[in-house]
């Protein structure tokens, strides 16, 4: 029969409360006492139950997962699938499980993330940024529940966020076009209401100005990071007869839509330079293989997990992490 905390305490000559504190890594137990108790636990093969640790620390070991926004890039977008998968693996290794929240009742009186998180007693939340974020997300951000945002600028005292340097993403694309001798450059960005879309557009304009490249406002369009919006934007340009021959699409999926529209119009992709963003797996297998600005999905997911863990444990204050992107040159835009 397995030993109990009571028996361990008796053997060590300490109280049950002291043993419980040692199990749950409290700091107010002397080093020698802690060493003696741990040695007895090891000698007798004692392993505290998951339930006992959770109860002692008043934790549920549950992490809420929220895809924020009326227009969001959730399970359908490979970039966020990869980020959340790495987050799941990393936070799972720390003993946490995930609870996904629905946002189907957007902007209704029933849409209250804070109340739902309190109901399920989650230890923390990861919030994935989308467009037109619900007001209740900001209520959650301001609460005492630790939150980590991915591509959403959280400002609460118990919140942090992580994002790629989106201005640099656009700058790398424009710089590459410049090095290829391209001057007829257009951009298909995301909707302009969130941090990611705004910074990529600003980075595009700044880089165009740096290299004294003309910005044609008709060659700036907006999409939703999915293929159809890239296709639609490129088709509109081609139909008008006034179109850029170098296109920076703010996601790989939109870049695939650009390629499809060019082919349907009877033109060759060899006559265009196309750059996407994300470096999803399909980018290396597309025809032509897609030049893209890589976001480090593994680093973002892993970093988000460790930041949230440390906030839950009180080891980390409000912070932000900016991850650097990397240009990956393939056939769609190379010399």
C-alpha atoms as a PDB file:
ATOM      1  CA  UNK A   1       0.000   0.000   0.000  1.00  0.00           C
ATOM      2  CA  UNK A   2       1.398   3.488  -0.913  1.00  0.00           C
ATOM      3  CA  UNK A   3       2.609   5.674   1.934  1.00  0.00           C
ATOM      4  CA  UNK A   4       0.621   8.723   2.968  1.00  0.00           C
ATOM      5  CA  UNK A   5       1.712  12.295   3.768  1.00  0.00           C
ATOM      6  CA  UNK A   6       0.951  11.516   7.418  1.00  0.00           C
ATOM      7  CA  UNK A   7       3.407   8.599   7.433  1.00  0.00           C
ATOM      8  CA  UNK A   8       6.102  10.601   5.639  1.00  0.00           C
ATOM      9  CA  UNK A   9       5.667  13.409   8.178  1.00  0.00           C
ATOM     10  CA  UNK A  10       5.991  10.984  11.100  1.00  0.00           C
ATOM     11  CA  UNK A  11       9.194   9.444   9.704  1.00  0.00           C
ATOM     12  CA  UNK A  12      10.693  12.893   9.097  1.00  0.00           C
ATOM     13  CA  UNK A  13       9.597  14.315  12.424  1.00  0.00           C
ATOM     14  CA  UNK A  14       7.709  17.215  10.839  1.00  0.00           C
ATOM     15  CA  UNK A  15       4.079  18.234  10.416  1.00  0.00           C
ATOM     16  CA  UNK A  16       1.882  17.142   7.519  1.00  0.00           C
ATOM     17  CA  UNK A  17       1.660  20.809   6.516  1.00  0.00           C
ATOM     18  CA  UNK A  18       5.451  20.943   6.127  1.00  0.00           C
ATOM     19  CA  UNK A  19       5.434  17.881   3.881  1.00  0.00           C
ATOM     20  CA  UNK A  20       2.671  19.454   1.788  1.00  0.00           C
ATOM     21  CA  UNK A  21       4.675  22.663   1.415  1.00  0.00           C
ATOM     22  CA  UNK A  22       7.717  20.695   0.240  1.00  0.00           C
ATOM     23  CA  UNK A  23       5.630  18.775  -2.293  1.00  0.00           C
ATOM     24  CA  UNK A  24       4.311  22.051  -3.693  1.00  0.00           C
ATOM     25  CA  UNK A  25       7.637  23.919  -3.740  1.00  0.00           C
ATOM     26  CA  UNK A  26       6.893  26.544  -1.104  1.00  0.00           C
ATOM     27  CA  UNK A  27       9.894  28.685  -0.161  1.00  0.00           C
ATOM     28  CA  UNK A  28       9.330  28.887   3.607  1.00  0.00           C
ATOM     29  CA  UNK A  29      10.804  25.480   4.494  1.00  0.00           C
ATOM     30  CA  UNK A  30      14.417  25.173   5.636  1.00  0.00           C
ATOM     31  CA  UNK A  31      16.889  23.554   3.238  1.00  0.00           C
ATOM     32  CA  UNK A  32      17.929  20.807   5.657  1.00  0.00           C
ATOM     33  CA  UNK A  33      14.312  19.928   6.477  1.00  0.00           C
ATOM     34  CA  UNK A  34      13.423  19.846   2.820  1.00  0.00           C
ATOM     35  CA  UNK A  35      16.415  17.637   2.022  1.00  0.00           C
ATOM     36  CA  UNK A  36      15.520  15.195   4.827  1.00  0.00           C
ATOM     37  CA  UNK A  37      11.862  14.907   3.775  1.00  0.00           C
ATOM     38  CA  UNK A  38      12.730  14.450   0.096  1.00  0.00           C
ATOM     39  CA  UNK A  39      15.242  11.746   0.991  1.00  0.00           C
ATOM     40  CA  UNK A  40      12.576   9.847   2.959  1.00  0.00           C
ATOM     41  CA  UNK A  41      10.098  10.214   0.097  1.00  0.00           C
ATOM     42  CA  UNK A  42      12.688   8.875  -2.334  1.00  0.00           C
ATOM     43  CA  UNK A  43      13.663   5.997  -0.023  1.00  0.00           C
ATOM     44  CA  UNK A  44      10.056   4.848   0.307  1.00  0.00           C
ATOM     45  CA  UNK A  45       9.091   5.532  -3.318  1.00  0.00           C
ATOM     46  CA  UNK A  46       6.492   8.120  -2.358  1.00  0.00           C
ATOM     47  CA  UNK A  47       4.943  10.013  -5.279  1.00  0.00           C
ATOM     48  CA  UNK A  48       2.353  12.720  -4.488  1.00  0.00           C
ATOM     49  CA  UNK A  49      -0.876  12.438  -6.439  1.00  0.00           C
ATOM     50  CA  UNK A  50      -1.761  14.968  -9.101  1.00  0.00           C
ATOM     51  CA  UNK A  51      -4.998  15.755  -7.243  1.00  0.00           C
ATOM     52  CA  UNK A  52      -3.159  16.385  -3.978  1.00  0.00           C
ATOM     53  CA  UNK A  53      -0.766  18.874  -5.600  1.00  0.00           C
ATOM     54  CA  UNK A  54      -3.569  20.674  -7.390  1.00  0.00           C
ATOM     55  CA  UNK A  55      -5.693  20.929  -4.261  1.00  0.00           C
ATOM     56  CA  UNK A  56      -2.785  22.151  -2.117  1.00  0.00           C
ATOM     57  CA  UNK A  57      -1.922  24.892  -4.587  1.00  0.00           C
ATOM     58  CA  UNK A  58      -5.571  25.681  -5.356  1.00  0.00           C
ATOM     59  CA  UNK A  59      -4.834  25.145  -9.045  1.00  0.00           C
ATOM     60  CA  UNK A  60      -6.975  23.358 -11.588  1.00  0.00           C
ATOM     61  CA  UNK A  61      -4.053  22.889 -14.022  1.00  0.00           C
ATOM     62  CA  UNK A  62      -6.391  24.174 -16.744  1.00  0.00           C
ATOM     63  CA  UNK A  63      -5.385  26.756 -19.374  1.00  0.00           C
ATOM     64  CA  UNK A  64      -8.106  28.542 -21.317  1.00  0.00           C
ATOM     65  CA  UNK A  65      -7.588  28.915 -25.075  1.00  0.00           C
ATOM     66  CA  UNK A  66      -9.368  31.836 -26.745  1.00  0.00           C
ATOM     67  CA  UNK A  67      -9.357  32.705 -30.445  1.00  0.00           C
ATOM     68  CA  UNK A  68     -10.341  36.351 -30.117  1.00  0.00           C
ATOM     69  CA  UNK A  69     -12.300  38.366 -32.650  1.00  0.00           C
ATOM     70  CA  UNK A  70     -15.282  38.277 -34.930  1.00  0.00           C
ATOM     71  CA  UNK A  71     -12.908  37.574 -37.802  1.00  0.00           C
ATOM     72  CA  UNK A  72     -10.272  35.216 -36.495  1.00  0.00           C
ATOM     73  CA  UNK A  73      -7.648  32.911 -37.888  1.00  0.00           C
ATOM     74  CA  UNK A  74      -8.306  29.835 -35.808  1.00  0.00           C
ATOM     75  CA  UNK A  75      -8.234  26.112 -36.579  1.00  0.00           C
ATOM     76  CA  UNK A  76      -8.270  26.796 -40.337  1.00  0.00           C
ATOM     77  CA  UNK A  77      -5.011  28.713 -40.450  1.00  0.00           C
ATOM     78  CA  UNK A  78      -1.821  26.597 -40.483  1.00  0.00           C
ATOM     79  CA  UNK A  79       0.318  29.251 -38.779  1.00  0.00           C
ATOM     80  CA  UNK A  80      -1.830  29.353 -35.658  1.00  0.00           C
ATOM     81  CA  UNK A  81      -2.363  25.595 -35.742  1.00  0.00           C
ATOM     82  CA  UNK A  82       1.414  25.140 -35.478  1.00  0.00           C
ATOM     83  CA  UNK A  83       1.785  27.780 -32.757  1.00  0.00           C
ATOM     84  CA  UNK A  84      -0.978  26.310 -30.594  1.00  0.00           C
ATOM     85  CA  UNK A  85       0.303  22.771 -31.178  1.00  0.00           C
ATOM     86  CA  UNK A  86       3.738  23.745 -29.836  1.00  0.00           C
ATOM     87  CA  UNK A  87       2.089  25.632 -26.969  1.00  0.00           C
ATOM     88  CA  UNK A  88       0.036  22.526 -26.133  1.00  0.00           C
ATOM     89  CA  UNK A  89       3.073  20.248 -26.139  1.00  0.00           C
ATOM     90  CA  UNK A  90       5.116  22.622 -23.984  1.00  0.00           C
ATOM     91  CA  UNK A  91       2.464  23.586 -21.437  1.00  0.00           C
ATOM     92  CA  UNK A  92       1.339  19.959 -21.330  1.00  0.00           C
ATOM     93  CA  UNK A  93       4.862  19.022 -20.302  1.00  0.00           C
ATOM     94  CA  UNK A  94       4.385  21.368 -17.350  1.00  0.00           C
ATOM     95  CA  UNK A  95       1.302  19.434 -16.251  1.00  0.00           C
ATOM     96  CA  UNK A  96      -1.444  21.637 -17.708  1.00  0.00           C
ATOM     97  CA  UNK A  97      -4.462  20.741 -19.867  1.00  0.00           C
ATOM     98  CA  UNK A  98      -6.241  23.013 -22.363  1.00  0.00           C
ATOM     99  CA  UNK A  99      -9.851  24.191 -22.347  1.00  0.00           C
ATOM    100  CA  UNK A 100     -11.025  25.785 -25.611  1.00  0.00           C
ATOM    101  CA  UNK A 101     -13.626  28.539 -25.374  1.00  0.00           C
ATOM    102  CA  UNK A 102     -16.148  29.197 -28.132  1.00  0.00           C
ATOM    103  CA  UNK A 103     -16.758  32.744 -29.366  1.00  0.00           C
ATOM    104  CA  UNK A 104     -19.783  31.935 -31.505  1.00  0.00           C
ATOM    105  CA  UNK A 105     -21.973  34.299 -29.440  1.00  0.00           C
ATOM    106  CA  UNK A 106     -19.874  37.275 -30.403  1.00  0.00           C
ATOM    107  CA  UNK A 107     -21.046  40.614 -28.975  1.00  0.00           C
ATOM    108  CA  UNK A 108     -23.990  39.160 -27.083  1.00  0.00           C
ATOM    109  CA  UNK A 109     -24.726  39.416 -23.379  1.00  0.00           C
ATOM    110  CA  UNK A 110     -23.656  35.786 -23.057  1.00  0.00           C
ATOM    111  CA  UNK A 111     -20.157  36.468 -24.384  1.00  0.00           C
ATOM    112  CA  UNK A 112     -18.181  36.937 -21.188  1.00  0.00           C
ATOM    113  CA  UNK A 113     -14.756  35.322 -21.192  1.00  0.00           C
ATOM    114  CA  UNK A 114     -13.882  36.494 -17.693  1.00  0.00           C
ATOM    115  CA  UNK A 115     -16.986  34.939 -16.120  1.00  0.00           C
ATOM    116  CA  UNK A 116     -16.446  31.695 -18.011  1.00  0.00           C
ATOM    117  CA  UNK A 117     -12.782  31.538 -17.007  1.00  0.00           C
ATOM    118  CA  UNK A 118     -13.764  32.126 -13.387  1.00  0.00           C
ATOM    119  CA  UNK A 119     -16.456  29.450 -13.633  1.00  0.00           C
ATOM    120  CA  UNK A 120     -13.945  26.831 -14.818  1.00  0.00           C
ATOM    121  CA  UNK A 121     -11.260  28.193 -12.467  1.00  0.00           C
ATOM    122  CA  UNK A 122      -8.589  28.245 -15.175  1.00  0.00           C
ATOM    123  CA  UNK A 123      -5.081  29.015 -13.963  1.00  0.00           C
ATOM    124  CA  UNK A 124      -4.357  31.182 -17.007  1.00  0.00           C
ATOM    125  CA  UNK A 125      -5.285  31.861 -20.628  1.00  0.00           C
ATOM    126  CA  UNK A 126      -3.673  32.052 -24.030  1.00  0.00           C
ATOM    127  CA  UNK A 127      -5.417  34.539 -26.323  1.00  0.00           C
ATOM    128  CA  UNK A 128      -4.885  34.358 -30.090  1.00  0.00           C
ATOM    129  CA  UNK A 129      -5.411  37.705 -31.806  1.00  0.00           C
ATOM    130  CA  UNK A 130      -7.935  38.194 -34.609  1.00  0.00           C
ATOM    131  CA  UNK A 131      -9.903  41.102 -36.094  1.00  0.00           C
ATOM    132  CA  UNK A 132     -12.641  43.039 -34.238  1.00  0.00           C
ATOM    133  CA  UNK A 133     -11.786  41.691 -30.802  1.00  0.00           C
ATOM    134  CA  UNK A 134     -14.687  41.301 -28.374  1.00  0.00           C
ATOM    135  CA  UNK A 135     -14.818  43.792 -25.464  1.00  0.00           C
ATOM    136  CA  UNK A 136     -14.895  40.883 -23.007  1.00  0.00           C
ATOM    137  CA  UNK A 137     -11.325  39.986 -24.056  1.00  0.00           C
ATOM    138  CA  UNK A 138     -10.193  43.308 -22.617  1.00  0.00           C
ATOM    139  CA  UNK A 139     -12.097  42.611 -19.391  1.00  0.00           C
ATOM    140  CA  UNK A 140     -10.188  39.344 -19.086  1.00  0.00           C
ATOM    141  CA  UNK A 141      -6.910  41.122 -19.847  1.00  0.00           C
ATOM    142  CA  UNK A 142      -7.522  43.526 -16.947  1.00  0.00           C
ATOM    143  CA  UNK A 143      -8.382  40.756 -14.492  1.00  0.00           C
ATOM    144  CA  UNK A 144      -6.210  38.859 -12.027  1.00  0.00           C
ATOM    145  CA  UNK A 145      -6.112  35.805 -14.321  1.00  0.00           C
ATOM    146  CA  UNK A 146      -2.670  35.504 -15.993  1.00  0.00           C
ATOM    147  CA  UNK A 147      -2.973  35.845 -19.774  1.00  0.00           C
ATOM    148  CA  UNK A 148      -0.516  35.464 -22.635  1.00  0.00           C
ATOM    149  CA  UNK A 149      -1.438  37.004 -25.981  1.00  0.00           C
ATOM    150  CA  UNK A 150      -0.190  35.895 -29.385  1.00  0.00           C
ATOM    151  CA  UNK A 151      -0.430  38.707 -31.936  1.00  0.00           C
ATOM    152  CA  UNK A 152      -2.634  40.739 -29.602  1.00  0.00           C
ATOM    153  CA  UNK A 153      -1.335  43.649 -27.525  1.00  0.00           C
ATOM    154  CA  UNK A 154      -2.399  42.804 -23.973  1.00  0.00           C
ATOM    155  CA  UNK A 155      -1.815  45.553 -21.400  1.00  0.00           C
ATOM    156  CA  UNK A 156      -3.144  44.113 -18.129  1.00  0.00           C
ATOM    157  CA  UNK A 157      -0.948  43.902 -15.039  1.00  0.00           C
ATOM    158  CA  UNK A 158      -1.190  40.104 -15.169  1.00  0.00           C
ATOM    159  CA  UNK A 159      -0.746  39.803 -18.923  1.00  0.00           C
ATOM    160  CA  UNK A 160       2.077  39.455 -21.421  1.00  0.00           C
ATOM    161  CA  UNK A 161       2.193  39.085 -25.156  1.00  0.00           C
ATOM    162  CA  UNK A 162       4.425  37.695 -27.865  1.00  0.00           C
ATOM    163  CA  UNK A 163       4.506  38.596 -31.516  1.00  0.00           C
ATOM    164  CA  UNK A 164       6.845  38.650 -34.490  1.00  0.00           C
ATOM    165  CA  UNK A 165       8.451  41.956 -35.453  1.00  0.00           C
ATOM    166  CA  UNK A 166       5.816  42.712 -38.083  1.00  0.00           C
ATOM    167  CA  UNK A 167       7.407  45.894 -39.371  1.00  0.00           C
ATOM    168  CA  UNK A 168      10.576  43.935 -40.072  1.00  0.00           C
ATOM    169  CA  UNK A 169       8.519  41.280 -41.878  1.00  0.00           C
ATOM    170  CA  UNK A 170       7.387  43.877 -44.416  1.00  0.00           C
ATOM    171  CA  UNK A 171      10.793  45.521 -44.547  1.00  0.00           C
ATOM    172  CA  UNK A 172      12.494  42.226 -45.447  1.00  0.00           C
ATOM    173  CA  UNK A 173      10.039  41.697 -48.307  1.00  0.00           C
ATOM    174  CA  UNK A 174      10.510  45.204 -49.749  1.00  0.00           C
ATOM    175  CA  UNK A 175      14.289  44.984 -49.349  1.00  0.00           C
ATOM    176  CA  UNK A 176      14.324  41.713 -51.289  1.00  0.00           C
ATOM    177  CA  UNK A 177      12.267  43.214 -54.100  1.00  0.00           C
ATOM    178  CA  UNK A 178      14.686  46.152 -54.186  1.00  0.00           C
ATOM    179  CA  UNK A 179      17.679  43.821 -54.467  1.00  0.00           C
ATOM    180  CA  UNK A 180      15.937  42.083 -57.368  1.00  0.00           C
ATOM    181  CA  UNK A 181      15.579  45.447 -59.130  1.00  0.00           C
ATOM    182  CA  UNK A 182      11.791  45.506 -58.768  1.00  0.00           C
ATOM    183  CA  UNK A 183       9.935  48.815 -58.578  1.00  0.00           C
ATOM    184  CA  UNK A 184       6.271  47.973 -59.337  1.00  0.00           C
ATOM    185  CA  UNK A 185       5.421  46.692 -55.872  1.00  0.00           C
ATOM    186  CA  UNK A 186       2.017  46.072 -54.317  1.00  0.00           C
ATOM    187  CA  UNK A 187       0.852  44.754 -50.975  1.00  0.00           C
ATOM    188  CA  UNK A 188      -2.108  42.679 -49.845  1.00  0.00           C
ATOM    189  CA  UNK A 189      -2.378  43.155 -46.090  1.00  0.00           C
ATOM    190  CA  UNK A 190      -4.757  42.011 -43.407  1.00  0.00           C
ATOM    191  CA  UNK A 191      -7.673  44.110 -42.261  1.00  0.00           C
ATOM    192  CA  UNK A 192      -6.382  47.330 -40.759  1.00  0.00           C
ATOM    193  CA  UNK A 193      -7.962  47.010 -37.304  1.00  0.00           C
ATOM    194  CA  UNK A 194      -5.376  44.942 -35.468  1.00  0.00           C
ATOM    195  CA  UNK A 195      -1.784  45.307 -34.385  1.00  0.00           C
ATOM    196  CA  UNK A 196      -0.321  42.783 -36.849  1.00  0.00           C
ATOM    197  CA  UNK A 197      -1.971  44.291 -39.932  1.00  0.00           C
ATOM    198  CA  UNK A 198      -1.160  47.867 -38.926  1.00  0.00           C
ATOM    199  CA  UNK A 199       2.520  47.159 -38.286  1.00  0.00           C
ATOM    200  CA  UNK A 200       3.002  45.225 -41.522  1.00  0.00           C
ATOM    201  CA  UNK A 201       1.477  48.059 -43.522  1.00  0.00           C
ATOM    202  CA  UNK A 202       3.576  50.654 -41.702  1.00  0.00           C
ATOM    203  CA  UNK A 203       6.683  48.541 -42.234  1.00  0.00           C
ATOM    204  CA  UNK A 204       5.858  48.320 -45.942  1.00  0.00           C
ATOM    205  CA  UNK A 205       5.445  52.094 -46.293  1.00  0.00           C
ATOM    206  CA  UNK A 206       8.611  52.836 -44.315  1.00  0.00           C
ATOM    207  CA  UNK A 207      10.707  50.426 -46.366  1.00  0.00           C
ATOM    208  CA  UNK A 208       9.333  51.758 -49.654  1.00  0.00           C
ATOM    209  CA  UNK A 209      10.292  55.262 -48.476  1.00  0.00           C
ATOM    210  CA  UNK A 210      13.765  54.098 -47.402  1.00  0.00           C
ATOM    211  CA  UNK A 211      14.548  52.748 -50.858  1.00  0.00           C
ATOM    212  CA  UNK A 212      12.787  55.663 -52.619  1.00  0.00           C
ATOM    213  CA  UNK A 213      10.301  53.308 -54.237  1.00  0.00           C
ATOM    214  CA  UNK A 214       6.971  54.765 -55.399  1.00  0.00           C
ATOM    215  CA  UNK A 215       3.904  53.769 -53.365  1.00  0.00           C
ATOM    216  CA  UNK A 216       0.823  53.396 -55.549  1.00  0.00           C
ATOM    217  CA  UNK A 217      -2.189  53.533 -53.205  1.00  0.00           C
ATOM    218  CA  UNK A 218      -4.203  51.516 -55.740  1.00  0.00           C
ATOM    219  CA  UNK A 219      -1.699  48.734 -55.239  1.00  0.00           C
ATOM    220  CA  UNK A 220      -2.465  48.349 -51.556  1.00  0.00           C
ATOM    221  CA  UNK A 221      -5.341  45.992 -50.793  1.00  0.00           C
ATOM    222  CA  UNK A 222      -6.696  44.294 -47.701  1.00  0.00           C
ATOM    223  CA  UNK A 223      -7.608  40.685 -47.039  1.00  0.00           C
ATOM    224  CA  UNK A 224      -8.208  38.263 -44.182  1.00  0.00           C
ATOM    225  CA  UNK A 225      -5.019  36.136 -44.347  1.00  0.00           C
ATOM    226  CA  UNK A 226      -6.825  33.375 -46.275  1.00  0.00           C
ATOM    227  CA  UNK A 227      -6.344  32.326 -49.909  1.00  0.00           C
ATOM    228  CA  UNK A 228      -9.592  33.692 -51.309  1.00  0.00           C
ATOM    229  CA  UNK A 229      -8.813  37.275 -50.325  1.00  0.00           C
ATOM    230  CA  UNK A 230      -5.415  37.069 -52.026  1.00  0.00           C
ATOM    231  CA  UNK A 231      -7.063  35.636 -55.124  1.00  0.00           C
ATOM    232  CA  UNK A 232      -9.747  38.319 -55.143  1.00  0.00           C
ATOM    233  CA  UNK A 233      -7.286  41.181 -54.719  1.00  0.00           C
ATOM    234  CA  UNK A 234      -4.980  39.989 -57.501  1.00  0.00           C
ATOM    235  CA  UNK A 235      -7.915  39.341 -59.802  1.00  0.00           C
ATOM    236  CA  UNK A 236      -9.149  42.914 -59.290  1.00  0.00           C
ATOM    237  CA  UNK A 237      -5.735  44.283 -60.223  1.00  0.00           C
ATOM    238  CA  UNK A 238      -5.433  42.078 -63.299  1.00  0.00           C
ATOM    239  CA  UNK A 239      -8.945  42.907 -64.488  1.00  0.00           C
ATOM    240  CA  UNK A 240      -8.245  46.634 -64.193  1.00  0.00           C
ATOM    241  CA  UNK A 241      -5.116  46.285 -66.339  1.00  0.00           C
ATOM    242  CA  UNK A 242      -3.105  48.292 -63.818  1.00  0.00           C
ATOM    243  CA  UNK A 243      -1.292  45.860 -61.593  1.00  0.00           C
ATOM    244  CA  UNK A 244       1.990  45.431 -59.707  1.00  0.00           C
ATOM    245  CA  UNK A 245       4.419  42.794 -60.909  1.00  0.00           C
ATOM    246  CA  UNK A 246       5.863  42.291 -57.433  1.00  0.00           C
ATOM    247  CA  UNK A 247       3.397  41.381 -54.687  1.00  0.00           C
ATOM    248  CA  UNK A 248       3.949  41.196 -50.953  1.00  0.00           C
ATOM    249  CA  UNK A 249       1.096  39.150 -49.486  1.00  0.00           C
ATOM    250  CA  UNK A 250       0.764  39.268 -45.690  1.00  0.00           C
ATOM    251  CA  UNK A 251       0.282  35.493 -45.455  1.00  0.00           C
ATOM    252  CA  UNK A 252       1.363  32.462 -47.462  1.00  0.00           C
ATOM    253  CA  UNK A 253      -2.271  31.523 -48.016  1.00  0.00           C
ATOM    254  CA  UNK A 254      -2.984  34.890 -49.631  1.00  0.00           C
ATOM    255  CA  UNK A 255       0.135  34.462 -51.781  1.00  0.00           C
ATOM    256  CA  UNK A 256      -1.278  31.140 -53.027  1.00  0.00           C
ATOM    257  CA  UNK A 257      -4.431  33.021 -54.014  1.00  0.00           C
ATOM    258  CA  UNK A 258      -2.293  35.533 -55.939  1.00  0.00           C
ATOM    259  CA  UNK A 259      -0.620  32.706 -57.869  1.00  0.00           C
ATOM    260  CA  UNK A 260      -3.990  31.151 -58.712  1.00  0.00           C
ATOM    261  CA  UNK A 261      -5.366  34.449 -60.036  1.00  0.00           C
ATOM    262  CA  UNK A 262      -2.284  35.016 -62.240  1.00  0.00           C
ATOM    263  CA  UNK A 263      -2.638  31.592 -63.824  1.00  0.00           C
ATOM    264  CA  UNK A 264      -6.370  31.946 -64.371  1.00  0.00           C
ATOM    265  CA  UNK A 265      -5.679  35.216 -66.174  1.00  0.00           C
ATOM    266  CA  UNK A 266      -3.458  33.335 -68.610  1.00  0.00           C
ATOM    267  CA  UNK A 267      -0.227  34.854 -67.357  1.00  0.00           C
ATOM    268  CA  UNK A 268       2.975  33.178 -66.230  1.00  0.00           C
ATOM    269  CA  UNK A 269       4.155  33.406 -62.627  1.00  0.00           C
ATOM    270  CA  UNK A 270       7.667  33.769 -64.066  1.00  0.00           C
ATOM    271  CA  UNK A 271       6.734  37.357 -64.907  1.00  0.00           C
ATOM    272  CA  UNK A 272       5.935  38.177 -61.268  1.00  0.00           C
ATOM    273  CA  UNK A 273       7.786  38.223 -57.956  1.00  0.00           C
ATOM    274  CA  UNK A 274       5.658  37.022 -55.052  1.00  0.00           C
ATOM    275  CA  UNK A 275       6.487  36.962 -51.340  1.00  0.00           C
ATOM    276  CA  UNK A 276       4.280  35.569 -48.571  1.00  0.00           C
ATOM    277  CA  UNK A 277       4.519  35.423 -44.779  1.00  0.00           C
ATOM    278  CA  UNK A 278       4.614  32.542 -42.261  1.00  0.00           C
ATOM    279  CA  UNK A 279       6.580  29.791 -44.037  1.00  0.00           C
ATOM    280  CA  UNK A 280       3.856  27.202 -43.618  1.00  0.00           C
ATOM    281  CA  UNK A 281       4.770  23.717 -44.801  1.00  0.00           C
ATOM    282  CA  UNK A 282       2.894  24.073 -48.092  1.00  0.00           C
ATOM    283  CA  UNK A 283       5.100  27.024 -49.109  1.00  0.00           C
ATOM    284  CA  UNK A 284       8.029  24.791 -50.007  1.00  0.00           C
ATOM    285  CA  UNK A 285       5.859  22.488 -52.126  1.00  0.00           C
ATOM    286  CA  UNK A 286       3.818  25.060 -54.058  1.00  0.00           C
ATOM    287  CA  UNK A 287       4.449  25.726 -57.755  1.00  0.00           C
ATOM    288  CA  UNK A 288       6.473  27.853 -57.807  1.00  0.00           C
ATOM    289  CA  UNK A 289       7.953  27.247 -54.359  1.00  0.00           C
ATOM    290  CA  UNK A 290       7.071  30.330 -52.353  1.00  0.00           C
ATOM    291  CA  UNK A 291       9.526  32.931 -51.134  1.00  0.00           C
ATOM    292  CA  UNK A 292       8.276  33.904 -47.699  1.00  0.00           C
ATOM    293  CA  UNK A 293       9.136  35.696 -44.482  1.00  0.00           C
ATOM    294  CA  UNK A 294       9.276  33.020 -41.827  1.00  0.00           C
ATOM    295  CA  UNK A 295       7.686  33.440 -38.419  1.00  0.00           C
ATOM    296  CA  UNK A 296       9.270  31.108 -35.872  1.00  0.00           C
ATOM    297  CA  UNK A 297       6.133  29.176 -34.956  1.00  0.00           C
ATOM    298  CA  UNK A 298       7.957  26.755 -32.665  1.00  0.00           C
ATOM    299  CA  UNK A 299       9.638  29.543 -30.702  1.00  0.00           C
ATOM    300  CA  UNK A 300       6.411  31.546 -30.393  1.00  0.00           C
ATOM    301  CA  UNK A 301       4.411  28.561 -29.114  1.00  0.00           C
ATOM    302  CA  UNK A 302       7.114  27.439 -26.690  1.00  0.00           C
ATOM    303  CA  UNK A 303       7.817  30.961 -25.442  1.00  0.00           C
ATOM    304  CA  UNK A 304       4.105  31.602 -24.881  1.00  0.00           C
ATOM    305  CA  UNK A 305       3.882  28.444 -22.758  1.00  0.00           C
ATOM    306  CA  UNK A 306       6.854  29.289 -20.553  1.00  0.00           C
ATOM    307  CA  UNK A 307       5.806  32.930 -20.127  1.00  0.00           C
ATOM    308  CA  UNK A 308       2.325  31.885 -19.036  1.00  0.00           C
ATOM    309  CA  UNK A 309       3.698  29.223 -16.676  1.00  0.00           C
ATOM    310  CA  UNK A 310       5.969  31.758 -15.009  1.00  0.00           C
ATOM    311  CA  UNK A 311       3.154  34.298 -14.648  1.00  0.00           C
ATOM    312  CA  UNK A 312       0.932  31.674 -13.031  1.00  0.00           C
ATOM    313  CA  UNK A 313       3.715  30.845 -10.597  1.00  0.00           C
ATOM    314  CA  UNK A 314       4.309  34.498  -9.803  1.00  0.00           C
ATOM    315  CA  UNK A 315       7.804  34.542 -11.284  1.00  0.00           C
ATOM    316  CA  UNK A 316       7.114  37.003 -14.098  1.00  0.00           C
ATOM    317  CA  UNK A 317       5.508  40.434 -14.365  1.00  0.00           C
ATOM    318  CA  UNK A 318       3.853  42.166 -17.297  1.00  0.00           C
ATOM    319  CA  UNK A 319       6.108  41.880 -20.346  1.00  0.00           C
ATOM    320  CA  UNK A 320       6.274  41.549 -24.123  1.00  0.00           C
ATOM    321  CA  UNK A 321       8.500  39.471 -26.376  1.00  0.00           C
ATOM    322  CA  UNK A 322       9.272  40.346 -29.996  1.00  0.00           C
ATOM    323  CA  UNK A 323      10.503  37.481 -32.201  1.00  0.00           C
ATOM    324  CA  UNK A 324      12.658  38.262 -35.230  1.00  0.00           C
ATOM    325  CA  UNK A 325      11.525  36.989 -38.669  1.00  0.00           C
ATOM    326  CA  UNK A 326      13.669  35.431 -41.398  1.00  0.00           C
ATOM    327  CA  UNK A 327      13.466  35.732 -45.188  1.00  0.00           C
ATOM    328  CA  UNK A 328      13.295  32.351 -46.939  1.00  0.00           C
ATOM    329  CA  UNK A 329      14.126  32.702 -50.648  1.00  0.00           C
ATOM    330  CA  UNK A 330      12.531  30.249 -53.073  1.00  0.00           C
ATOM    331  CA  UNK A 331      11.462  30.238 -56.738  1.00  0.00           C
ATOM    332  CA  UNK A 332       8.582  32.756 -56.579  1.00  0.00           C
ATOM    333  CA  UNK A 333      10.977  35.667 -55.973  1.00  0.00           C
ATOM    334  CA  UNK A 334      14.613  35.025 -56.669  1.00  0.00           C
ATOM    335  CA  UNK A 335      17.307  36.384 -58.972  1.00  0.00           C
END
